[in-house]
Amino acid sequence: MNIAIRRLTIPLILGVLVLSGCEGEKEVATNGVKENGKQKTFTIGVTQIIQHPSLDAAFNGFKKALEDGGLKEGKNVRYHIQNAQGDMNNSQTIANNFVSDGVDLIFANSTPSAQSALNATKDIPIVFTSVTDPVSAGLVPAMDKAGENITGTTDSHPDAIGKTIQFIDEQTDAKTVGLIYNAGEQNSVAQIEKVKEAAKHTDLKLVEASVSTTAEVKQAAESLVGKADVFYIVTDNTVVSAIESVVSVANEKKIPVFTGELDSLKRGCFAAYGFDYYDIGYQAGQMAVAILKGEAKPSEIKPEYPKKLKLVINKQAAEKQGIKLKPEWDQMAEYIE
């Protein structure tokens, strides 16, 4: 080999080695678990509007999906968990702080939490759950199209409200339905509108009582005594967090309580067409795994509805609220004690 050839060959070899190293580094950096050959730890900001079992179950499902995807707390994921205690100002502050801290992803557990997160950033990925109407809330343009940096799962099955109203109309003697909700929650207002639309196809009349805080829930329930034959509590964060107040009035006055989510049945409500919040949290967690691993951008993952819907009846609540179970319900519902 002459000198001229050697002078050409050495730079070529070095160039190939450099390129090979870059490719290897790129592959490692984009697998979502390691960065530059080292284990990467993701920081996830978790923002929740208020404490109650449904939202807690959704977060548990979210964490399990990440764990199943190889992202384990204490190993390569850490959670920065914040609860707004029902205060929208707190919710916005939490979101702003997450942005300042430079978290890798925000998990927004409720409509207000997701709205605050999106107000705070258009860059950091946001995955939401427990959001009733992501479109009306301004989070995504449509249920088949994510936002630029946001996607997630809704806690409103398209058929749940219609089926609940149909059951009340066809399977009970009720003539009036009492609705208790926080008019300041966008998700609740959207659901109440759907209830009104569904009721148009029946002879049922609706009576409403609105609240601003959990402290007002029992008084609102008492204000509907004598006006409502049944209560229907949609997935309102304020009311659900104080659902025992509604149940206490219902048990005393023999008023059946229908709810928009299954967790409230364990707390004394009579019946619900619903789904497990754990499941929609798990669906959201699967989205987060894909985003953190670099497999997809938020804008490439369509929002999702709950995948399962079922009617569940609480037998003990039925007895306390003056409901006699019908044999035909055995084929329609699951029972809990």
C-alpha atoms as a PDB file:
ATOM      1  CA  MET A   1       0.000   0.000   0.000  1.00  0.00           C
ATOM      2  CA  ASN A   2       1.588   3.311  -1.030  1.00  0.00           C
ATOM      3  CA  ILE A   3       1.539   6.499   1.059  1.00  0.00           C
ATOM      4  CA  ALA A   4      -1.141   8.211  -1.023  1.00  0.00           C
ATOM      5  CA  ILE A   5      -3.570   5.353  -0.534  1.00  0.00           C
ATOM      6  CA  ARG A   6      -2.820   5.173   3.193  1.00  0.00           C
ATOM      7  CA  ARG A   7      -3.463   8.889   3.609  1.00  0.00           C
ATOM      8  CA  LEU A   8      -6.887   8.452   2.035  1.00  0.00           C
ATOM      9  CA  THR A   9      -7.755   5.264   3.836  1.00  0.00           C
ATOM     10  CA  ILE A  10      -7.091   6.386   7.409  1.00  0.00           C
ATOM     11  CA  PRO A  11      -9.498   9.378   7.305  1.00  0.00           C
ATOM     12  CA  LEU A  12     -12.124   7.162   5.677  1.00  0.00           C
ATOM     13  CA  ILE A  13     -11.827   4.563   8.418  1.00  0.00           C
ATOM     14  CA  LEU A  14     -11.970   7.232  11.106  1.00  0.00           C
ATOM     15  CA  GLY A  15     -15.026   8.744   9.435  1.00  0.00           C
ATOM     16  CA  VAL A  16     -16.820   5.401   9.392  1.00  0.00           C
ATOM     17  CA  LEU A  17     -16.003   4.863  13.064  1.00  0.00           C
ATOM     18  CA  VAL A  18     -17.317   8.310  13.980  1.00  0.00           C
ATOM     19  CA  LEU A  19     -20.518   7.771  12.014  1.00  0.00           C
ATOM     20  CA  SER A  20     -21.004   4.359  13.572  1.00  0.00           C
ATOM     21  CA  GLY A  21     -20.594   5.870  17.014  1.00  0.00           C
ATOM     22  CA  CYS A  22     -23.161   8.567  16.252  1.00  0.00           C
ATOM     23  CA  GLU A  23     -25.677   6.023  15.021  1.00  0.00           C
ATOM     24  CA  GLY A  24     -25.226   3.951  18.153  1.00  0.00           C
ATOM     25  CA  GLU A  25     -25.626   7.000  20.343  1.00  0.00           C
ATOM     26  CA  LYS A  26     -28.752   8.054  18.473  1.00  0.00           C
ATOM     27  CA  GLU A  27     -30.296   4.627  18.899  1.00  0.00           C
ATOM     28  CA  VAL A  28     -29.674   4.676  22.618  1.00  0.00           C
ATOM     29  CA  ALA A  29     -30.972   8.201  23.034  1.00  0.00           C
ATOM     30  CA  THR A  30     -34.302   7.514  21.339  1.00  0.00           C
ATOM     31  CA  ASN A  31     -35.269   4.290  23.042  1.00  0.00           C
ATOM     32  CA  GLY A  32     -36.868   6.303  25.855  1.00  0.00           C
ATOM     33  CA  VAL A  33     -35.226   4.387  28.704  1.00  0.00           C
ATOM     34  CA  LYS A  34     -31.554   5.235  28.285  1.00  0.00           C
ATOM     35  CA  GLU A  35     -29.814   8.408  27.224  1.00  0.00           C
ATOM     36  CA  ASN A  36     -26.208   8.534  26.025  1.00  0.00           C
ATOM     37  CA  GLY A  37     -25.736   4.998  27.255  1.00  0.00           C
ATOM     38  CA  LYS A  38     -26.928   5.780  30.792  1.00  0.00           C
ATOM     39  CA  GLN A  39     -30.170   4.898  32.524  1.00  0.00           C
ATOM     40  CA  LYS A  40     -32.553   7.848  32.188  1.00  0.00           C
ATOM     41  CA  THR A  41     -34.928   8.730  34.985  1.00  0.00           C
ATOM     42  CA  PHE A  42     -38.110  10.440  33.870  1.00  0.00           C
ATOM     43  CA  THR A  43     -39.864  12.974  36.063  1.00  0.00           C
ATOM     44  CA  ILE A  44     -43.639  12.975  35.724  1.00  0.00           C
ATOM     45  CA  GLY A  45     -45.674  15.804  37.178  1.00  0.00           C
ATOM     46  CA  VAL A  46     -48.974  14.450  38.501  1.00  0.00           C
ATOM     47  CA  THR A  47     -51.717  17.023  38.982  1.00  0.00           C
ATOM     48  CA  GLN A  48     -55.112  16.106  40.453  1.00  0.00           C
ATOM     49  CA  ILE A  49     -57.922  18.541  41.155  1.00  0.00           C
ATOM     50  CA  ILE A  50     -59.207  16.902  44.341  1.00  0.00           C
ATOM     51  CA  GLN A  51     -58.895  13.768  46.454  1.00  0.00           C
ATOM     52  CA  HIS A  52     -61.464  11.049  45.822  1.00  0.00           C
ATOM     53  CA  PRO A  53     -61.378   7.308  45.073  1.00  0.00           C
ATOM     54  CA  SER A  54     -62.133   7.482  41.345  1.00  0.00           C
ATOM     55  CA  LEU A  55     -59.219   9.804  40.594  1.00  0.00           C
ATOM     56  CA  ASP A  56     -56.964   7.827  42.913  1.00  0.00           C
ATOM     57  CA  ALA A  57     -57.898   4.621  41.064  1.00  0.00           C
ATOM     58  CA  ALA A  58     -57.092   6.277  37.734  1.00  0.00           C
ATOM     59  CA  PHE A  59     -53.640   7.231  38.992  1.00  0.00           C
ATOM     60  CA  ASN A  60     -53.041   3.671  40.209  1.00  0.00           C
ATOM     61  CA  GLY A  61     -53.942   2.378  36.748  1.00  0.00           C
ATOM     62  CA  PHE A  62     -51.601   4.925  35.166  1.00  0.00           C
ATOM     63  CA  LYS A  63     -48.675   3.825  37.334  1.00  0.00           C
ATOM     64  CA  LYS A  64     -49.347   0.152  36.616  1.00  0.00           C
ATOM     65  CA  ALA A  65     -49.274   0.772  32.849  1.00  0.00           C
ATOM     66  CA  LEU A  66     -45.909   2.513  33.171  1.00  0.00           C
ATOM     67  CA  GLU A  67     -44.568  -0.314  35.285  1.00  0.00           C
ATOM     68  CA  ASP A  68     -45.774  -2.866  32.734  1.00  0.00           C
ATOM     69  CA  GLY A  69     -44.017  -0.773  30.093  1.00  0.00           C
ATOM     70  CA  GLY A  70     -40.702  -1.000  31.935  1.00  0.00           C
ATOM     71  CA  LEU A  71     -40.889   2.404  33.634  1.00  0.00           C
ATOM     72  CA  LYS A  72     -40.795   1.707  37.370  1.00  0.00           C
ATOM     73  CA  GLU A  73     -41.055   4.172  40.215  1.00  0.00           C
ATOM     74  CA  GLY A  74     -37.769   4.430  42.097  1.00  0.00           C
ATOM     75  CA  LYS A  75     -35.824   2.941  39.210  1.00  0.00           C
ATOM     76  CA  ASN A  76     -36.326   5.030  36.097  1.00  0.00           C
ATOM     77  CA  VAL A  77     -39.420   7.106  36.971  1.00  0.00           C
ATOM     78  CA  ARG A  78     -40.159   9.543  39.756  1.00  0.00           C
ATOM     79  CA  TYR A  79     -43.552  11.128  40.342  1.00  0.00           C
ATOM     80  CA  HIS A  80     -44.036  14.679  41.554  1.00  0.00           C
ATOM     81  CA  ILE A  81     -47.600  14.447  42.922  1.00  0.00           C
ATOM     82  CA  GLN A  82     -49.697  17.547  43.613  1.00  0.00           C
ATOM     83  CA  ASN A  83     -53.350  17.929  44.628  1.00  0.00           C
ATOM     84  CA  ALA A  84     -55.158  21.236  44.064  1.00  0.00           C
ATOM     85  CA  GLN A  85     -57.734  20.560  46.805  1.00  0.00           C
ATOM     86  CA  GLY A  86     -60.532  21.706  44.508  1.00  0.00           C
ATOM     87  CA  ASP A  87     -59.017  25.134  43.871  1.00  0.00           C
ATOM     88  CA  MET A  88     -58.504  26.192  40.252  1.00  0.00           C
ATOM     89  CA  ASN A  89     -55.890  28.777  41.244  1.00  0.00           C
ATOM     90  CA  ASN A  90     -53.916  26.026  42.958  1.00  0.00           C
ATOM     91  CA  SER A  91     -54.289  23.870  39.866  1.00  0.00           C
ATOM     92  CA  GLN A  92     -52.757  26.554  37.645  1.00  0.00           C
ATOM     93  CA  THR A  93     -49.921  27.169  40.082  1.00  0.00           C
ATOM     94  CA  ILE A  94     -49.127  23.456  40.146  1.00  0.00           C
ATOM     95  CA  ALA A  95     -48.993  23.316  36.347  1.00  0.00           C
ATOM     96  CA  ASN A  96     -46.803  26.416  36.127  1.00  0.00           C
ATOM     97  CA  ASN A  97     -44.396  24.921  38.664  1.00  0.00           C
ATOM     98  CA  PHE A  98     -44.147  21.691  36.679  1.00  0.00           C
ATOM     99  CA  VAL A  99     -43.135  23.717  33.632  1.00  0.00           C
ATOM    100  CA  SER A 100     -40.538  25.649  35.627  1.00  0.00           C
ATOM    101  CA  ASP A 101     -39.167  22.361  36.960  1.00  0.00           C
ATOM    102  CA  GLY A 102     -38.869  20.979  33.426  1.00  0.00           C
ATOM    103  CA  VAL A 103     -40.741  17.716  34.013  1.00  0.00           C
ATOM    104  CA  ASP A 104     -40.665  15.181  31.176  1.00  0.00           C
ATOM    105  CA  LEU A 105     -44.443  14.673  31.091  1.00  0.00           C
ATOM    106  CA  ILE A 106     -47.531  15.948  32.909  1.00  0.00           C
ATOM    107  CA  PHE A 107     -50.244  13.502  33.941  1.00  0.00           C
ATOM    108  CA  ALA A 108     -53.399  15.577  34.397  1.00  0.00           C
ATOM    109  CA  ASN A 109     -56.078  13.738  36.354  1.00  0.00           C
ATOM    110  CA  SER A 110     -59.360  15.678  35.816  1.00  0.00           C
ATOM    111  CA  THR A 111     -60.653  18.353  33.448  1.00  0.00           C
ATOM    112  CA  PRO A 112     -59.469  21.389  35.461  1.00  0.00           C
ATOM    113  CA  SER A 113     -56.041  19.809  35.895  1.00  0.00           C
ATOM    114  CA  ALA A 114     -55.693  19.210  32.162  1.00  0.00           C
ATOM    115  CA  GLN A 115     -56.865  22.722  31.288  1.00  0.00           C
ATOM    116  CA  SER A 116     -54.344  24.242  33.680  1.00  0.00           C
ATOM    117  CA  ALA A 117     -51.555  22.097  32.257  1.00  0.00           C
ATOM    118  CA  LEU A 118     -52.352  23.111  28.688  1.00  0.00           C
ATOM    119  CA  ASN A 119     -52.521  26.769  29.734  1.00  0.00           C
ATOM    120  CA  ALA A 120     -49.032  26.383  31.180  1.00  0.00           C
ATOM    121  CA  THR A 121     -47.246  24.660  28.295  1.00  0.00           C
ATOM    122  CA  LYS A 122     -47.511  23.878  24.611  1.00  0.00           C
ATOM    123  CA  ASP A 123     -44.220  21.961  24.640  1.00  0.00           C
ATOM    124  CA  ILE A 124     -44.162  19.438  27.486  1.00  0.00           C
ATOM    125  CA  PRO A 125     -46.239  16.321  26.692  1.00  0.00           C
ATOM    126  CA  ILE A 126     -49.525  16.135  28.607  1.00  0.00           C
ATOM    127  CA  VAL A 127     -51.557  12.967  29.088  1.00  0.00           C
ATOM    128  CA  PHE A 128     -54.965  13.402  30.727  1.00  0.00           C
ATOM    129  CA  THR A 129     -57.605  11.121  32.159  1.00  0.00           C
ATOM    130  CA  SER A 130     -60.878  11.558  34.076  1.00  0.00           C
ATOM    131  CA  VAL A 131     -61.871  14.256  31.574  1.00  0.00           C
ATOM    132  CA  THR A 132     -65.533  14.130  30.602  1.00  0.00           C
ATOM    133  CA  ASP A 133     -65.541  16.159  27.379  1.00  0.00           C
ATOM    134  CA  PRO A 134     -62.015  16.867  26.083  1.00  0.00           C
ATOM    135  CA  VAL A 135     -63.370  18.723  23.048  1.00  0.00           C
ATOM    136  CA  SER A 136     -65.661  21.156  24.901  1.00  0.00           C
ATOM    137  CA  ALA A 137     -62.920  21.655  27.479  1.00  0.00           C
ATOM    138  CA  GLY A 138     -60.635  22.905  24.690  1.00  0.00           C
ATOM    139  CA  LEU A 139     -58.055  20.174  25.177  1.00  0.00           C
ATOM    140  CA  VAL A 140     -58.273  18.448  21.793  1.00  0.00           C
ATOM    141  CA  PRO A 141     -59.916  19.480  18.504  1.00  0.00           C
ATOM    142  CA  ALA A 142     -61.913  16.231  18.216  1.00  0.00           C
ATOM    143  CA  MET A 143     -62.135  12.795  19.802  1.00  0.00           C
ATOM    144  CA  ASP A 144     -60.328  11.358  16.794  1.00  0.00           C
ATOM    145  CA  LYS A 145     -57.586  14.004  16.845  1.00  0.00           C
ATOM    146  CA  ALA A 146     -55.131  14.841  19.621  1.00  0.00           C
ATOM    147  CA  GLY A 147     -53.686  18.261  20.356  1.00  0.00           C
ATOM    148  CA  GLU A 148     -50.098  19.161  19.535  1.00  0.00           C
ATOM    149  CA  ASN A 149     -48.772  18.183  22.951  1.00  0.00           C
ATOM    150  CA  ILE A 150     -51.810  16.637  24.614  1.00  0.00           C
ATOM    151  CA  THR A 151     -53.887  13.463  24.480  1.00  0.00           C
ATOM    152  CA  GLY A 152     -55.569  11.122  26.930  1.00  0.00           C
ATOM    153  CA  THR A 153     -58.684   9.268  27.981  1.00  0.00           C
ATOM    154  CA  THR A 154     -62.181  10.471  28.794  1.00  0.00           C
ATOM    155  CA  ASP A 155     -64.349   9.305  31.677  1.00  0.00           C
ATOM    156  CA  SER A 156     -67.509   9.695  29.628  1.00  0.00           C
ATOM    157  CA  HIS A 157     -68.659   6.657  27.689  1.00  0.00           C
ATOM    158  CA  PRO A 158     -70.862   7.785  24.767  1.00  0.00           C
ATOM    159  CA  ASP A 159     -73.717   5.521  25.906  1.00  0.00           C
ATOM    160  CA  ALA A 160     -73.558   5.860  29.695  1.00  0.00           C
ATOM    161  CA  ILE A 161     -75.856   8.855  30.240  1.00  0.00           C
ATOM    162  CA  GLY A 162     -78.435   7.708  27.719  1.00  0.00           C
ATOM    163  CA  LYS A 163     -78.574   4.231  29.221  1.00  0.00           C
ATOM    164  CA  THR A 164     -78.924   5.624  32.744  1.00  0.00           C
ATOM    165  CA  ILE A 165     -81.820   7.874  31.799  1.00  0.00           C
ATOM    166  CA  GLN A 166     -83.437   5.010  29.881  1.00  0.00           C
ATOM    167  CA  PHE A 167     -83.142   2.717  32.914  1.00  0.00           C
ATOM    168  CA  ILE A 168     -84.672   5.335  35.235  1.00  0.00           C
ATOM    169  CA  ASP A 169     -87.506   5.904  32.773  1.00  0.00           C
ATOM    170  CA  GLU A 170     -88.285   2.265  31.976  1.00  0.00           C
ATOM    171  CA  GLN A 171     -87.274   0.382  35.123  1.00  0.00           C
ATOM    172  CA  THR A 172     -88.382   2.681  37.964  1.00  0.00           C
ATOM    173  CA  ASP A 173     -91.505   4.628  38.904  1.00  0.00           C
ATOM    174  CA  ALA A 174     -89.623   7.919  39.003  1.00  0.00           C
ATOM    175  CA  LYS A 175     -91.107  10.998  37.395  1.00  0.00           C
ATOM    176  CA  THR A 176     -88.479  13.542  38.416  1.00  0.00           C
ATOM    177  CA  VAL A 177     -84.671  13.300  38.490  1.00  0.00           C
ATOM    178  CA  GLY A 178     -82.605  15.442  40.843  1.00  0.00           C
ATOM    179  CA  LEU A 179     -79.231  16.645  39.560  1.00  0.00           C
ATOM    180  CA  ILE A 180     -76.540  17.989  41.903  1.00  0.00           C
ATOM    181  CA  TYR A 181     -73.415  19.431  40.319  1.00  0.00           C
ATOM    182  CA  ASN A 182     -70.816  22.173  40.392  1.00  0.00           C
ATOM    183  CA  ALA A 183     -71.703  24.672  37.666  1.00  0.00           C
ATOM    184  CA  GLY A 184     -68.087  25.836  37.716  1.00  0.00           C
ATOM    185  CA  GLU A 185     -66.819  22.492  36.426  1.00  0.00           C
ATOM    186  CA  GLN A 186     -66.847  22.349  32.629  1.00  0.00           C
ATOM    187  CA  ASN A 187     -67.035  18.577  32.645  1.00  0.00           C
ATOM    188  CA  SER A 188     -70.184  18.667  34.790  1.00  0.00           C
ATOM    189  CA  VAL A 189     -71.932  21.280  32.662  1.00  0.00           C
ATOM    190  CA  ALA A 190     -71.259  19.177  29.555  1.00  0.00           C
ATOM    191  CA  GLN A 191     -72.748  16.105  31.214  1.00  0.00           C
ATOM    192  CA  ILE A 192     -75.831  17.933  32.454  1.00  0.00           C
ATOM    193  CA  GLU A 193     -76.494  19.065  28.897  1.00  0.00           C
ATOM    194  CA  LYS A 194     -76.327  15.433  27.781  1.00  0.00           C
ATOM    195  CA  VAL A 195     -78.722  14.421  30.544  1.00  0.00           C
ATOM    196  CA  LYS A 196     -81.173  17.086  29.367  1.00  0.00           C
ATOM    197  CA  GLU A 197     -80.883  15.854  25.795  1.00  0.00           C
ATOM    198  CA  ALA A 198     -81.470  12.245  26.822  1.00  0.00           C
ATOM    199  CA  ALA A 199     -84.458  13.209  28.987  1.00  0.00           C
ATOM    200  CA  LYS A 200     -86.185  14.853  26.015  1.00  0.00           C
ATOM    201  CA  HIS A 201     -87.015  11.370  24.738  1.00  0.00           C
ATOM    202  CA  THR A 202     -88.806  10.468  27.991  1.00  0.00           C
ATOM    203  CA  ASP A 203     -91.490  11.863  30.299  1.00  0.00           C
ATOM    204  CA  LEU A 204     -88.935  12.510  33.025  1.00  0.00           C
ATOM    205  CA  LYS A 205     -88.581  15.991  34.499  1.00  0.00           C
ATOM    206  CA  LEU A 206     -85.257  17.319  35.768  1.00  0.00           C
ATOM    207  CA  VAL A 207     -84.662  19.455  38.849  1.00  0.00           C
ATOM    208  CA  GLU A 208     -81.237  20.948  39.543  1.00  0.00           C
ATOM    209  CA  ALA A 209     -79.203  22.087  42.527  1.00  0.00           C
ATOM    210  CA  SER A 210     -75.746  23.547  42.022  1.00  0.00           C
ATOM    211  CA  VAL A 211     -72.867  23.739  44.488  1.00  0.00           C
ATOM    212  CA  SER A 212     -69.485  25.424  44.652  1.00  0.00           C
ATOM    213  CA  THR A 213     -67.812  23.399  47.393  1.00  0.00           C
ATOM    214  CA  THR A 214     -68.130  19.993  49.023  1.00  0.00           C
ATOM    215  CA  ALA A 215     -69.555  21.691  52.128  1.00  0.00           C
ATOM    216  CA  GLU A 216     -72.668  22.626  50.133  1.00  0.00           C
ATOM    217  CA  VAL A 217     -73.445  19.137  48.835  1.00  0.00           C
ATOM    218  CA  LYS A 218     -75.648  17.892  51.680  1.00  0.00           C
ATOM    219  CA  GLN A 219     -77.704  21.081  51.711  1.00  0.00           C
ATOM    220  CA  ALA A 220     -78.191  20.772  47.955  1.00  0.00           C
ATOM    221  CA  ALA A 221     -79.426  17.191  48.343  1.00  0.00           C
ATOM    222  CA  GLU A 222     -81.818  18.262  51.108  1.00  0.00           C
ATOM    223  CA  SER A 223     -83.162  21.046  48.881  1.00  0.00           C
ATOM    224  CA  LEU A 224     -84.300  18.430  46.352  1.00  0.00           C
ATOM    225  CA  VAL A 225     -86.240  16.319  48.872  1.00  0.00           C
ATOM    226  CA  GLY A 226     -89.897  16.346  47.855  1.00  0.00           C
ATOM    227  CA  LYS A 227     -88.929  17.516  44.365  1.00  0.00           C
ATOM    228  CA  ALA A 228     -86.926  14.543  43.050  1.00  0.00           C
ATOM    229  CA  ASP A 229     -87.895  10.868  42.988  1.00  0.00           C
ATOM    230  CA  VAL A 230     -84.299   9.814  42.265  1.00  0.00           C
ATOM    231  CA  PHE A 231     -80.895  11.488  42.352  1.00  0.00           C
ATOM    232  CA  TYR A 232     -78.503  11.241  39.415  1.00  0.00           C
ATOM    233  CA  ILE A 233     -74.957  12.315  40.234  1.00  0.00           C
ATOM    234  CA  VAL A 234     -72.769  12.708  37.138  1.00  0.00           C
ATOM    235  CA  THR A 235     -68.978  12.483  37.370  1.00  0.00           C
ATOM    236  CA  ASP A 236     -68.686  15.842  39.110  1.00  0.00           C
ATOM    237  CA  ASN A 237     -65.459  16.091  41.122  1.00  0.00           C
ATOM    238  CA  THR A 238     -66.927  18.280  43.858  1.00  0.00           C
ATOM    239  CA  VAL A 239     -70.072  16.221  44.450  1.00  0.00           C
ATOM    240  CA  VAL A 240     -68.457  12.806  44.089  1.00  0.00           C
ATOM    241  CA  SER A 241     -65.823  13.717  46.666  1.00  0.00           C
ATOM    242  CA  ALA A 242     -68.707  14.280  49.125  1.00  0.00           C
ATOM    243  CA  ILE A 243     -71.045  11.573  47.843  1.00  0.00           C
ATOM    244  CA  GLU A 244     -71.659  10.268  51.389  1.00  0.00           C
ATOM    245  CA  SER A 245     -73.587  13.477  52.056  1.00  0.00           C
ATOM    246  CA  VAL A 246     -75.977  12.675  49.226  1.00  0.00           C
ATOM    247  CA  VAL A 247     -76.271   9.037  50.341  1.00  0.00           C
ATOM    248  CA  SER A 248     -77.161  10.010  53.918  1.00  0.00           C
ATOM    249  CA  VAL A 249     -80.083  12.126  52.670  1.00  0.00           C
ATOM    250  CA  ALA A 250     -81.108   9.453  50.176  1.00  0.00           C
ATOM    251  CA  ASN A 251     -81.152   6.694  52.768  1.00  0.00           C
ATOM    252  CA  GLU A 252     -83.224   8.757  55.189  1.00  0.00           C
ATOM    253  CA  LYS A 253     -85.748   9.848  52.553  1.00  0.00           C
ATOM    254  CA  LYS A 254     -85.736   6.616  50.479  1.00  0.00           C
ATOM    255  CA  ILE A 255     -84.441   8.259  47.302  1.00  0.00           C
ATOM    256  CA  PRO A 256     -82.403   5.995  44.959  1.00  0.00           C
ATOM    257  CA  VAL A 257     -79.031   7.432  43.948  1.00  0.00           C
ATOM    258  CA  PHE A 258     -77.756   6.784  40.430  1.00  0.00           C
ATOM    259  CA  THR A 259     -74.206   7.803  39.688  1.00  0.00           C
ATOM    260  CA  GLY A 260     -71.946   8.214  36.682  1.00  0.00           C
ATOM    261  CA  GLU A 261     -69.100   6.061  37.987  1.00  0.00           C
ATOM    262  CA  LEU A 262     -68.753   2.705  39.696  1.00  0.00           C
ATOM    263  CA  ASP A 263     -66.576   3.716  42.643  1.00  0.00           C
ATOM    264  CA  SER A 264     -69.459   5.615  44.243  1.00  0.00           C
ATOM    265  CA  LEU A 265     -71.448   2.376  44.521  1.00  0.00           C
ATOM    266  CA  LYS A 266     -68.997   1.192  47.175  1.00  0.00           C
ATOM    267  CA  ARG A 267     -69.786   4.384  49.057  1.00  0.00           C
ATOM    268  CA  GLY A 268     -73.541   3.786  49.163  1.00  0.00           C
ATOM    269  CA  CYS A 269     -75.046   4.697  45.800  1.00  0.00           C
ATOM    270  CA  PHE A 270     -77.653   2.431  44.204  1.00  0.00           C
ATOM    271  CA  ALA A 271     -76.734   1.943  40.533  1.00  0.00           C
ATOM    272  CA  ALA A 272     -74.429   3.092  37.758  1.00  0.00           C
ATOM    273  CA  TYR A 273     -73.644   2.486  34.146  1.00  0.00           C
ATOM    274  CA  GLY A 274     -69.942   2.896  34.285  1.00  0.00           C
ATOM    275  CA  PHE A 275     -66.439   1.601  34.045  1.00  0.00           C
ATOM    276  CA  ASP A 276     -63.443   1.261  36.301  1.00  0.00           C
ATOM    277  CA  TYR A 277     -61.364   4.433  36.602  1.00  0.00           C
ATOM    278  CA  TYR A 278     -58.361   2.177  37.027  1.00  0.00           C
ATOM    279  CA  ASP A 279     -58.901   1.043  33.418  1.00  0.00           C
ATOM    280  CA  ILE A 280     -58.965   4.531  31.885  1.00  0.00           C
ATOM    281  CA  GLY A 281     -55.924   5.422  33.958  1.00  0.00           C
ATOM    282  CA  TYR A 282     -54.194   2.352  32.573  1.00  0.00           C
ATOM    283  CA  GLN A 283     -55.114   3.369  29.002  1.00  0.00           C
ATOM    284  CA  ALA A 284     -53.616   6.816  29.658  1.00  0.00           C
ATOM    285  CA  GLY A 285     -50.505   5.198  31.102  1.00  0.00           C
ATOM    286  CA  GLN A 286     -49.987   3.202  27.927  1.00  0.00           C
ATOM    287  CA  MET A 287     -50.025   6.474  25.999  1.00  0.00           C
ATOM    288  CA  ALA A 288     -47.435   7.944  28.370  1.00  0.00           C
ATOM    289  CA  VAL A 289     -45.167   4.935  27.884  1.00  0.00           C
ATOM    290  CA  ALA A 290     -45.223   5.385  24.105  1.00  0.00           C
ATOM    291  CA  ILE A 291     -44.448   9.103  24.464  1.00  0.00           C
ATOM    292  CA  LEU A 292     -41.627   8.710  26.982  1.00  0.00           C
ATOM    293  CA  LYS A 293     -40.004   5.921  24.985  1.00  0.00           C
ATOM    294  CA  GLY A 294     -40.079   8.067  21.858  1.00  0.00           C
ATOM    295  CA  GLU A 295     -42.395   5.688  20.030  1.00  0.00           C
ATOM    296  CA  ALA A 296     -45.011   8.376  19.334  1.00  0.00           C
ATOM    297  CA  LYS A 297     -45.693  12.058  19.838  1.00  0.00           C
ATOM    298  CA  PRO A 298     -48.816  13.119  21.760  1.00  0.00           C
ATOM    299  CA  SER A 299     -50.263  14.499  18.519  1.00  0.00           C
ATOM    300  CA  GLU A 300     -50.022  11.017  16.974  1.00  0.00           C
ATOM    301  CA  ILE A 301     -52.088   9.286  19.688  1.00  0.00           C
ATOM    302  CA  LYS A 302     -55.852   9.696  19.404  1.00  0.00           C
ATOM    303  CA  PRO A 303     -57.862  10.349  22.585  1.00  0.00           C
ATOM    304  CA  GLU A 304     -59.786   7.312  23.801  1.00  0.00           C
ATOM    305  CA  TYR A 305     -63.150   6.509  25.395  1.00  0.00           C
ATOM    306  CA  PRO A 306     -63.429   3.893  28.154  1.00  0.00           C
ATOM    307  CA  LYS A 307     -63.350   0.468  26.558  1.00  0.00           C
ATOM    308  CA  LYS A 308     -65.791  -1.221  28.952  1.00  0.00           C
ATOM    309  CA  LEU A 309     -69.304  -0.210  30.074  1.00  0.00           C
ATOM    310  CA  LYS A 310     -71.516  -2.153  32.486  1.00  0.00           C
ATOM    311  CA  LEU A 311     -74.506  -1.716  34.777  1.00  0.00           C
ATOM    312  CA  VAL A 312     -73.734  -2.409  38.433  1.00  0.00           C
ATOM    313  CA  ILE A 313     -76.262  -2.401  41.298  1.00  0.00           C
ATOM    314  CA  ASN A 314     -75.525  -2.192  45.014  1.00  0.00           C
ATOM    315  CA  LYS A 315     -77.974  -4.545  46.790  1.00  0.00           C
ATOM    316  CA  GLN A 316     -77.523  -3.034  50.240  1.00  0.00           C
ATOM    317  CA  ALA A 317     -78.048   0.482  48.897  1.00  0.00           C
ATOM    318  CA  ALA A 318     -81.178  -0.690  47.090  1.00  0.00           C
ATOM    319  CA  GLU A 319     -82.648  -1.866  50.396  1.00  0.00           C
ATOM    320  CA  LYS A 320     -81.694   1.317  52.248  1.00  0.00           C
ATOM    321  CA  GLN A 321     -83.101   3.532  49.494  1.00  0.00           C
ATOM    322  CA  GLY A 322     -86.401   1.673  49.153  1.00  0.00           C
ATOM    323  CA  ILE A 323     -85.778  -0.148  45.876  1.00  0.00           C
ATOM    324  CA  LYS A 324     -87.132  -3.652  45.309  1.00  0.00           C
ATOM    325  CA  LEU A 325     -84.870  -5.578  42.946  1.00  0.00           C
ATOM    326  CA  LYS A 326     -86.546  -6.967  39.836  1.00  0.00           C
ATOM    327  CA  PRO A 327     -85.794 -10.475  38.506  1.00  0.00           C
ATOM    328  CA  GLU A 328     -85.151  -9.131  35.004  1.00  0.00           C
ATOM    329  CA  TRP A 329     -82.267  -7.051  36.334  1.00  0.00           C
ATOM    330  CA  ASP A 330     -80.321 -10.278  36.870  1.00  0.00           C
ATOM    331  CA  GLN A 331     -79.675 -10.385  33.119  1.00  0.00           C
ATOM    332  CA  MET A 332     -78.900  -6.685  32.856  1.00  0.00           C
ATOM    333  CA  ALA A 333     -76.591  -5.981  35.761  1.00  0.00           C
ATOM    334  CA  GLU A 334     -73.780  -7.084  38.010  1.00  0.00           C
ATOM    335  CA  TYR A 335     -74.491  -6.944  41.729  1.00  0.00           C
ATOM    336  CA  ILE A 336     -72.335  -5.902  44.649  1.00  0.00           C
ATOM    337  CA  GLU A 337     -73.255  -6.224  48.332  1.00  0.00           C
END
